[in-house]
Amino acid sequence: MRRAFIVGLAALLAAILVGCGGSSASDKQVEAITKTYNDYFAAVKSGDGKAACDLLTPAYQRRASKFVTPIKQAQLKGASCPKAISQGTLSLLKSFEPTLERVRVNGNRASGFQPGEGRFGPQKTIFRRLNGDWKISATIYTKPAPTNNG
């Protein structure tokens, strides 16, 4: 009886110590998701289509040529993801500062909210965890996205 009590007390103490140490798993997931989001926009802004595409799910990569600026849609129709992002991104994205808020994690899926800046947003971004890494799988604008090459 005494041995069971000691084992139980040790287990409780271990659980308390683990719970008090550092950030929680969900905090780490939110940090990883936010990093994915910020790294994606850094790659887009620098014109690095390959790095940007590496942060998208394969399904979202296949649709990348549909999201280029209207001026370049004809010439980039069916283009690879890196080419579409490198050559078809709005120039006004260079001044865009991403801000991901209200990140919610549910298993291997997550979402975050970009409150909007100037002509962008607000938008909701959907993430999926694939092979341990968070990838952007969709973006939902709550108002129409900018349409000129501005």
N, C-alpha and C. Protein backbone atom coordinates (compact mmCIF):
# COMPACT_ATOMS: atom_id res chain seq x y z
N MET A 1 0.82 -1.18 0.00
CA MET A 1 0.00 0.00 0.00
C MET A 1 0.87 1.26 0.00
N ARG A 2 1.91 1.24 0.86
CA ARG A 2 2.79 2.39 0.95
C ARG A 2 3.53 2.59 -0.38
N ARG A 3 3.93 1.48 -0.99
CA ARG A 3 4.65 1.55 -2.27
C ARG A 3 3.77 2.16 -3.36
N ALA A 4 2.51 1.77 -3.41
CA ALA A 4 1.57 2.33 -4.39
C ALA A 4 1.39 3.83 -4.17
N PHE A 5 1.35 4.24 -2.91
CA PHE A 5 1.21 5.65 -2.58
C PHE A 5 2.42 6.44 -3.08
N ILE A 6 3.62 5.89 -2.86
CA ILE A 6 4.86 6.57 -3.28
C ILE A 6 4.92 6.66 -4.81
N VAL A 7 4.57 5.58 -5.48
CA VAL A 7 4.56 5.59 -6.96
C VAL A 7 3.56 6.61 -7.47
N GLY A 8 2.37 6.64 -6.86
CA GLY A 8 1.34 7.60 -7.25
C GLY A 8 1.79 9.02 -7.00
N LEU A 9 2.42 9.28 -5.88
CA LEU A 9 2.92 10.61 -5.54
C LEU A 9 4.02 11.03 -6.52
N ALA A 10 4.90 10.11 -6.86
CA ALA A 10 5.97 10.40 -7.82
C ALA A 10 5.39 10.75 -9.19
N ALA A 11 4.37 10.01 -9.61
CA ALA A 11 3.72 10.29 -10.90
C ALA A 11 3.06 11.66 -10.88
N LEU A 12 2.39 11.99 -9.79
CA LEU A 12 1.75 13.30 -9.67
C LEU A 12 2.78 14.41 -9.70
N LEU A 13 3.87 14.24 -8.99
CA LEU A 13 4.93 15.23 -8.96
C LEU A 13 5.54 15.42 -10.35
N ALA A 14 5.76 14.33 -11.06
CA ALA A 14 6.30 14.41 -12.42
C ALA A 14 5.35 15.16 -13.33
N ALA A 15 4.05 14.90 -13.21
CA ALA A 15 3.06 15.60 -14.05
C ALA A 15 3.06 17.09 -13.75
N ILE A 16 3.17 17.45 -12.49
CA ILE A 16 3.19 18.87 -12.11
C ILE A 16 4.44 19.54 -12.66
N LEU A 17 5.59 18.89 -12.54
CA LEU A 17 6.83 19.48 -13.03
C LEU A 17 6.82 19.64 -14.54
N VAL A 18 6.29 18.67 -15.25
CA VAL A 18 6.20 18.78 -16.70
C VAL A 18 5.26 19.92 -17.08
N GLY A 19 4.16 20.03 -16.37
CA GLY A 19 3.19 21.09 -16.66
C GLY A 19 3.73 22.47 -16.39
N CYS A 20 4.69 22.62 -15.50
CA CYS A 20 5.24 23.92 -15.16
C CYS A 20 6.45 24.29 -16.01
N GLY A 21 6.99 23.37 -16.73
CA GLY A 21 8.22 23.64 -17.45
C GLY A 21 8.00 24.11 -18.87
N GLY A 22 8.40 25.35 -19.17
CA GLY A 22 8.40 25.85 -20.54
C GLY A 22 7.02 26.05 -21.12
N SER A 23 6.99 26.15 -22.44
CA SER A 23 5.72 26.39 -23.11
C SER A 23 5.02 25.08 -23.42
N SER A 24 3.73 25.15 -23.53
CA SER A 24 2.95 23.94 -23.78
C SER A 24 3.08 23.52 -25.23
N ALA A 25 2.62 22.31 -25.51
CA ALA A 25 2.66 21.81 -26.89
C ALA A 25 1.87 22.73 -27.80
N SER A 26 0.72 23.23 -27.34
CA SER A 26 -0.08 24.09 -28.21
C SER A 26 0.61 25.42 -28.47
N ASP A 27 1.35 25.96 -27.47
CA ASP A 27 2.12 27.18 -27.68
C ASP A 27 3.18 26.95 -28.77
N LYS A 28 3.82 25.80 -28.71
CA LYS A 28 4.83 25.47 -29.71
C LYS A 28 4.20 25.32 -31.10
N GLN A 29 3.00 24.74 -31.16
CA GLN A 29 2.31 24.60 -32.43
C GLN A 29 1.94 25.98 -33.00
N VAL A 30 1.44 26.85 -32.14
CA VAL A 30 1.09 28.20 -32.58
C VAL A 30 2.33 28.92 -33.10
N GLU A 31 3.45 28.77 -32.40
CA GLU A 31 4.71 29.37 -32.86
C GLU A 31 5.11 28.81 -34.23
N ALA A 32 4.99 27.50 -34.40
CA ALA A 32 5.37 26.87 -35.67
C ALA A 32 4.45 27.33 -36.80
N ILE A 33 3.17 27.45 -36.53
CA ILE A 33 2.20 27.90 -37.54
C ILE A 33 2.48 29.35 -37.92
N THR A 34 2.72 30.19 -36.93
CA THR A 34 3.02 31.60 -37.19
C THR A 34 4.31 31.73 -37.98
N LYS A 35 5.30 30.89 -37.67
CA LYS A 35 6.56 30.92 -38.42
C LYS A 35 6.31 30.53 -39.88
N THR A 36 5.51 29.50 -40.11
CA THR A 36 5.17 29.10 -41.48
C THR A 36 4.55 30.28 -42.24
N TYR A 37 3.60 30.92 -41.61
CA TYR A 37 2.90 32.06 -42.22
C TYR A 37 3.87 33.20 -42.54
N ASN A 38 4.69 33.57 -41.57
CA ASN A 38 5.64 34.66 -41.78
C ASN A 38 6.71 34.30 -42.80
N ASP A 39 7.20 33.07 -42.76
CA ASP A 39 8.20 32.62 -43.73
C ASP A 39 7.63 32.62 -45.14
N TYR A 40 6.37 32.24 -45.28
CA TYR A 40 5.72 32.25 -46.60
C TYR A 40 5.73 33.67 -47.17
N PHE A 41 5.28 34.63 -46.39
CA PHE A 41 5.23 36.00 -46.89
C PHE A 41 6.62 36.57 -47.14
N ALA A 42 7.60 36.20 -46.32
CA ALA A 42 8.98 36.65 -46.56
C ALA A 42 9.47 36.12 -47.91
N ALA A 43 9.16 34.86 -48.21
CA ALA A 43 9.58 34.26 -49.48
C ALA A 43 8.86 34.93 -50.66
N VAL A 44 7.57 35.17 -50.51
CA VAL A 44 6.80 35.84 -51.57
C VAL A 44 7.38 37.23 -51.83
N LYS A 45 7.62 37.97 -50.76
CA LYS A 45 8.12 39.34 -50.90
C LYS A 45 9.50 39.39 -51.53
N SER A 46 10.31 38.37 -51.29
CA SER A 46 11.66 38.35 -51.86
C SER A 46 11.68 37.73 -53.25
N GLY A 47 10.53 37.24 -53.73
CA GLY A 47 10.46 36.64 -55.05
C GLY A 47 10.94 35.20 -55.09
N ASP A 48 11.07 34.55 -53.95
CA ASP A 48 11.54 33.16 -53.88
C ASP A 48 10.35 32.21 -53.95
N GLY A 49 9.88 31.96 -55.16
CA GLY A 49 8.72 31.13 -55.38
C GLY A 49 8.89 29.71 -54.86
N LYS A 50 10.09 29.15 -54.97
CA LYS A 50 10.30 27.79 -54.49
C LYS A 50 10.12 27.71 -52.98
N ALA A 51 10.75 28.64 -52.24
CA ALA A 51 10.62 28.63 -50.78
C ALA A 51 9.17 28.85 -50.37
N ALA A 52 8.48 29.74 -51.06
CA ALA A 52 7.06 29.99 -50.75
C ALA A 52 6.23 28.73 -51.00
N CYS A 53 6.45 28.07 -52.12
CA CYS A 53 5.67 26.87 -52.45
C CYS A 53 5.95 25.72 -51.49
N ASP A 54 7.16 25.65 -50.98
CA ASP A 54 7.50 24.61 -50.01
C ASP A 54 6.67 24.73 -48.73
N LEU A 55 6.07 25.89 -48.51
CA LEU A 55 5.26 26.13 -47.32
C LEU A 55 3.76 25.95 -47.57
N LEU A 56 3.42 25.47 -48.78
CA LEU A 56 2.03 25.20 -49.15
C LEU A 56 1.80 23.70 -49.23
N THR A 57 0.57 23.27 -48.99
CA THR A 57 0.26 21.86 -49.19
C THR A 57 0.35 21.56 -50.69
N PRO A 58 0.58 20.31 -51.06
CA PRO A 58 0.64 19.97 -52.49
C PRO A 58 -0.63 20.39 -53.25
N ALA A 59 -1.79 20.24 -52.65
CA ALA A 59 -3.04 20.63 -53.33
C ALA A 59 -3.07 22.14 -53.57
N TYR A 60 -2.61 22.91 -52.60
CA TYR A 60 -2.61 24.37 -52.76
C TYR A 60 -1.54 24.79 -53.77
N GLN A 61 -0.43 24.07 -53.83
CA GLN A 61 0.60 24.35 -54.83
C GLN A 61 0.05 24.20 -56.24
N ARG A 62 -0.77 23.16 -56.44
CA ARG A 62 -1.33 22.91 -57.78
C ARG A 62 -2.27 24.02 -58.23
N ARG A 63 -2.83 24.75 -57.29
CA ARG A 63 -3.76 25.83 -57.64
C ARG A 63 -3.09 27.19 -57.71
N ALA A 64 -1.79 27.26 -57.46
CA ALA A 64 -1.09 28.54 -57.35
C ALA A 64 -1.26 29.42 -58.58
N SER A 65 -1.26 28.85 -59.76
CA SER A 65 -1.35 29.67 -60.97
C SER A 65 -2.71 30.35 -61.09
N LYS A 66 -3.70 29.90 -60.34
CA LYS A 66 -5.02 30.55 -60.37
C LYS A 66 -5.06 31.79 -59.49
N PHE A 67 -4.05 32.00 -58.66
CA PHE A 67 -4.06 33.11 -57.72
C PHE A 67 -3.12 34.24 -58.09
N VAL A 68 -2.62 34.24 -59.33
CA VAL A 68 -1.73 35.32 -59.75
C VAL A 68 -2.56 36.57 -60.06
N THR A 69 -1.88 37.70 -60.21
CA THR A 69 -2.58 38.94 -60.50
C THR A 69 -3.34 38.79 -61.81
N PRO A 70 -4.49 39.43 -61.94
CA PRO A 70 -5.29 39.30 -63.16
C PRO A 70 -4.51 39.68 -64.43
N ILE A 71 -3.62 40.63 -64.32
CA ILE A 71 -2.84 41.07 -65.48
C ILE A 71 -1.97 39.94 -66.02
N LYS A 72 -1.51 39.05 -65.16
CA LYS A 72 -0.59 37.99 -65.58
C LYS A 72 -1.24 36.62 -65.66
N GLN A 73 -2.55 36.53 -65.45
CA GLN A 73 -3.20 35.22 -65.44
C GLN A 73 -3.06 34.49 -66.76
N ALA A 74 -3.20 35.17 -67.88
CA ALA A 74 -3.12 34.50 -69.18
C ALA A 74 -1.73 33.91 -69.41
N GLN A 75 -0.69 34.68 -69.13
CA GLN A 75 0.66 34.18 -69.40
C GLN A 75 1.13 33.15 -68.38
N LEU A 76 0.53 33.11 -67.20
CA LEU A 76 0.96 32.16 -66.17
C LEU A 76 -0.04 31.03 -65.95
N LYS A 77 -1.04 30.93 -66.81
CA LYS A 77 -2.03 29.87 -66.67
C LYS A 77 -1.32 28.51 -66.73
N GLY A 78 -1.55 27.70 -65.71
CA GLY A 78 -0.94 26.37 -65.66
C GLY A 78 0.52 26.37 -65.28
N ALA A 79 1.08 27.52 -64.88
CA ALA A 79 2.50 27.60 -64.52
C ALA A 79 2.75 26.82 -63.23
N SER A 80 3.99 26.44 -63.05
CA SER A 80 4.37 25.77 -61.80
C SER A 80 4.17 26.74 -60.64
N CYS A 81 4.05 26.20 -59.46
CA CYS A 81 3.87 27.02 -58.27
C CYS A 81 5.01 28.05 -58.12
N PRO A 82 6.28 27.64 -58.18
CA PRO A 82 7.34 28.64 -58.01
C PRO A 82 7.29 29.75 -59.05
N LYS A 83 7.01 29.40 -60.29
CA LYS A 83 6.94 30.42 -61.34
C LYS A 83 5.75 31.35 -61.12
N ALA A 84 4.61 30.79 -60.76
CA ALA A 84 3.41 31.60 -60.54
C ALA A 84 3.64 32.60 -59.40
N ILE A 85 4.26 32.14 -58.33
CA ILE A 85 4.48 33.05 -57.20
C ILE A 85 5.59 34.05 -57.52
N SER A 86 6.67 33.61 -58.14
CA SER A 86 7.78 34.51 -58.46
C SER A 86 7.37 35.60 -59.44
N GLN A 87 6.55 35.25 -60.43
CA GLN A 87 6.24 36.19 -61.49
C GLN A 87 4.83 36.78 -61.42
N GLY A 88 3.97 36.21 -60.61
CA GLY A 88 2.58 36.65 -60.63
C GLY A 88 2.06 37.28 -59.36
N THR A 89 2.97 37.67 -58.48
CA THR A 89 2.55 38.25 -57.21
C THR A 89 2.36 39.76 -57.36
N LEU A 90 1.37 40.28 -56.67
CA LEU A 90 1.15 41.72 -56.68
C LEU A 90 2.35 42.47 -56.12
N SER A 91 2.76 43.52 -56.80
CA SER A 91 3.92 44.28 -56.32
C SER A 91 3.64 44.94 -54.98
N LEU A 92 2.38 45.26 -54.68
CA LEU A 92 2.09 45.90 -53.40
C LEU A 92 2.22 44.95 -52.22
N LEU A 93 2.43 43.66 -52.49
CA LEU A 93 2.71 42.72 -51.40
C LEU A 93 4.04 43.00 -50.72
N LYS A 94 4.95 43.68 -51.43
CA LYS A 94 6.27 43.96 -50.88
C LYS A 94 6.17 44.79 -49.61
N SER A 95 5.12 45.59 -49.48
CA SER A 95 4.97 46.41 -48.27
C SER A 95 4.03 45.79 -47.25
N PHE A 96 3.51 44.63 -47.56
CA PHE A 96 2.56 43.95 -46.66
C PHE A 96 3.29 43.38 -45.46
N GLU A 97 2.79 43.61 -44.28
CA GLU A 97 3.35 43.04 -43.06
C GLU A 97 2.36 42.02 -42.50
N PRO A 98 2.69 40.74 -42.58
CA PRO A 98 1.76 39.71 -42.11
C PRO A 98 1.59 39.75 -40.59
N THR A 99 0.36 39.57 -40.17
CA THR A 99 0.02 39.51 -38.75
C THR A 99 -0.99 38.40 -38.58
N LEU A 100 -0.58 37.30 -38.02
CA LEU A 100 -1.48 36.18 -37.82
C LEU A 100 -1.97 36.19 -36.38
N GLU A 101 -3.28 36.25 -36.21
CA GLU A 101 -3.89 36.31 -34.89
C GLU A 101 -4.85 35.15 -34.71
N ARG A 102 -5.30 34.97 -33.49
CA ARG A 102 -6.33 33.99 -33.16
C ARG A 102 -6.07 32.62 -33.79
N VAL A 103 -4.86 32.12 -33.62
CA VAL A 103 -4.49 30.81 -34.16
C VAL A 103 -5.19 29.74 -33.33
N ARG A 104 -5.87 28.84 -34.02
CA ARG A 104 -6.57 27.73 -33.38
C ARG A 104 -6.02 26.43 -33.96
N VAL A 105 -5.65 25.51 -33.07
CA VAL A 105 -5.09 24.23 -33.49
C VAL A 105 -6.08 23.14 -33.10
N ASN A 106 -6.35 22.25 -34.06
CA ASN A 106 -7.24 21.11 -33.82
C ASN A 106 -6.59 19.89 -34.47
N GLY A 107 -5.74 19.22 -33.72
CA GLY A 107 -5.05 18.05 -34.27
C GLY A 107 -4.06 18.46 -35.33
N ASN A 108 -4.24 17.93 -36.54
CA ASN A 108 -3.36 18.24 -37.67
C ASN A 108 -3.89 19.36 -38.54
N ARG A 109 -4.87 20.07 -38.04
CA ARG A 109 -5.44 21.21 -38.77
C ARG A 109 -5.40 22.44 -37.88
N ALA A 110 -5.30 23.60 -38.50
CA ALA A 110 -5.27 24.84 -37.74
C ALA A 110 -5.78 25.97 -38.62
N SER A 111 -6.09 27.08 -37.99
CA SER A 111 -6.47 28.28 -38.73
C SER A 111 -5.97 29.50 -37.97
N GLY A 112 -5.81 30.57 -38.70
CA GLY A 112 -5.40 31.84 -38.12
C GLY A 112 -6.07 32.97 -38.89
N PHE A 113 -6.11 34.13 -38.29
CA PHE A 113 -6.81 35.27 -38.88
C PHE A 113 -5.83 36.42 -39.11
N GLN A 114 -5.83 36.94 -40.31
CA GLN A 114 -5.06 38.13 -40.68
C GLN A 114 -6.05 39.28 -40.68
N PRO A 115 -5.92 40.26 -39.76
CA PRO A 115 -6.93 41.30 -39.64
C PRO A 115 -7.02 42.22 -40.86
N GLY A 116 -6.04 42.20 -41.69
CA GLY A 116 -6.08 43.02 -42.90
C GLY A 116 -5.20 44.23 -42.77
N GLU A 117 -4.73 44.66 -43.91
CA GLU A 117 -3.87 45.84 -43.96
C GLU A 117 -4.12 46.52 -45.29
N GLY A 118 -4.53 47.75 -45.24
CA GLY A 118 -4.77 48.48 -46.48
C GLY A 118 -5.75 47.73 -47.36
N ARG A 119 -5.30 47.37 -48.54
CA ARG A 119 -6.18 46.71 -49.51
C ARG A 119 -6.24 45.20 -49.32
N PHE A 120 -5.47 44.66 -48.38
CA PHE A 120 -5.49 43.22 -48.14
C PHE A 120 -6.34 42.87 -46.93
N GLY A 121 -6.96 41.71 -47.02
CA GLY A 121 -7.65 41.16 -45.88
C GLY A 121 -8.94 41.87 -45.56
N PRO A 122 -9.53 41.56 -44.48
CA PRO A 122 -9.09 40.50 -43.59
C PRO A 122 -9.22 39.12 -44.25
N GLN A 123 -8.45 38.19 -43.76
CA GLN A 123 -8.48 36.86 -44.35
C GLN A 123 -8.24 35.80 -43.28
N LYS A 124 -8.77 34.64 -43.55
CA LYS A 124 -8.54 33.48 -42.70
C LYS A 124 -7.61 32.55 -43.47
N THR A 125 -6.61 32.03 -42.80
CA THR A 125 -5.67 31.11 -43.42
C THR A 125 -5.81 29.75 -42.73
N ILE A 126 -5.90 28.71 -43.54
CA ILE A 126 -6.06 27.35 -43.06
C ILE A 126 -4.72 26.62 -43.21
N PHE A 127 -4.34 25.85 -42.20
CA PHE A 127 -3.08 25.12 -42.19
C PHE A 127 -3.35 23.63 -41.98
N ARG A 128 -2.44 22.80 -42.51
CA ARG A 128 -2.46 21.36 -42.25
C ARG A 128 -1.04 20.94 -41.88
N ARG A 129 -0.96 20.00 -40.97
CA ARG A 129 0.35 19.46 -40.61
C ARG A 129 0.58 18.23 -41.46
N LEU A 130 1.65 18.27 -42.24
CA LEU A 130 2.03 17.15 -43.10
C LEU A 130 3.45 16.72 -42.73
N ASN A 131 3.60 15.47 -42.40
CA ASN A 131 4.92 14.92 -42.02
C ASN A 131 5.60 15.77 -40.94
N GLY A 132 4.80 16.28 -40.02
CA GLY A 132 5.33 17.05 -38.90
C GLY A 132 5.49 18.54 -39.14
N ASP A 133 5.33 18.98 -40.39
CA ASP A 133 5.50 20.40 -40.71
C ASP A 133 4.15 21.04 -41.03
N TRP A 134 3.96 22.28 -40.59
CA TRP A 134 2.73 23.01 -40.90
C TRP A 134 2.84 23.64 -42.27
N LYS A 135 1.79 23.48 -43.07
CA LYS A 135 1.71 24.02 -44.43
C LYS A 135 0.42 24.82 -44.58
N ILE A 136 0.45 25.83 -45.41
CA ILE A 136 -0.75 26.60 -45.71
C ILE A 136 -1.56 25.80 -46.72
N SER A 137 -2.85 25.59 -46.41
CA SER A 137 -3.68 24.78 -47.30
C SER A 137 -4.81 25.58 -47.95
N ALA A 138 -5.10 26.77 -47.45
CA ALA A 138 -6.15 27.60 -48.05
C ALA A 138 -6.11 28.99 -47.43
N THR A 139 -6.62 29.95 -48.19
CA THR A 139 -6.80 31.31 -47.69
C THR A 139 -8.19 31.74 -48.09
N ILE A 140 -8.91 32.30 -47.15
CA ILE A 140 -10.27 32.74 -47.40
C ILE A 140 -10.34 34.23 -47.12
N TYR A 141 -10.51 35.03 -48.18
CA TYR A 141 -10.65 36.47 -48.01
C TYR A 141 -12.08 36.77 -47.58
N THR A 142 -12.22 37.70 -46.64
CA THR A 142 -13.56 38.09 -46.25
C THR A 142 -14.01 39.31 -47.01
N LYS A 143 -13.15 39.84 -47.85
CA LYS A 143 -13.52 40.85 -48.84
C LYS A 143 -12.68 40.53 -50.07
N PRO A 144 -13.06 40.98 -51.25
CA PRO A 144 -12.30 40.62 -52.44
C PRO A 144 -10.82 41.02 -52.32
N ALA A 145 -9.97 40.16 -52.83
CA ALA A 145 -8.53 40.44 -52.84
C ALA A 145 -8.25 41.57 -53.83
N PRO A 146 -7.12 42.25 -53.66
CA PRO A 146 -6.74 43.31 -54.61
C PRO A 146 -6.61 42.75 -56.02
N THR A 147 -6.92 43.56 -57.01
CA THR A 147 -6.91 43.05 -58.36
C THR A 147 -5.96 43.75 -59.31
N ASN A 148 -5.36 44.88 -58.93
CA ASN A 148 -4.45 45.51 -59.89
C ASN A 148 -3.02 45.17 -59.58
N ASN A 149 -2.12 45.57 -60.44
CA ASN A 149 -0.72 45.26 -60.27
C ASN A 149 -0.01 46.31 -59.43
N GLY A 150 -0.74 47.25 -58.89
CA GLY A 150 -0.36 48.37 -58.10
C GLY A 150 0.89 48.41 -57.46
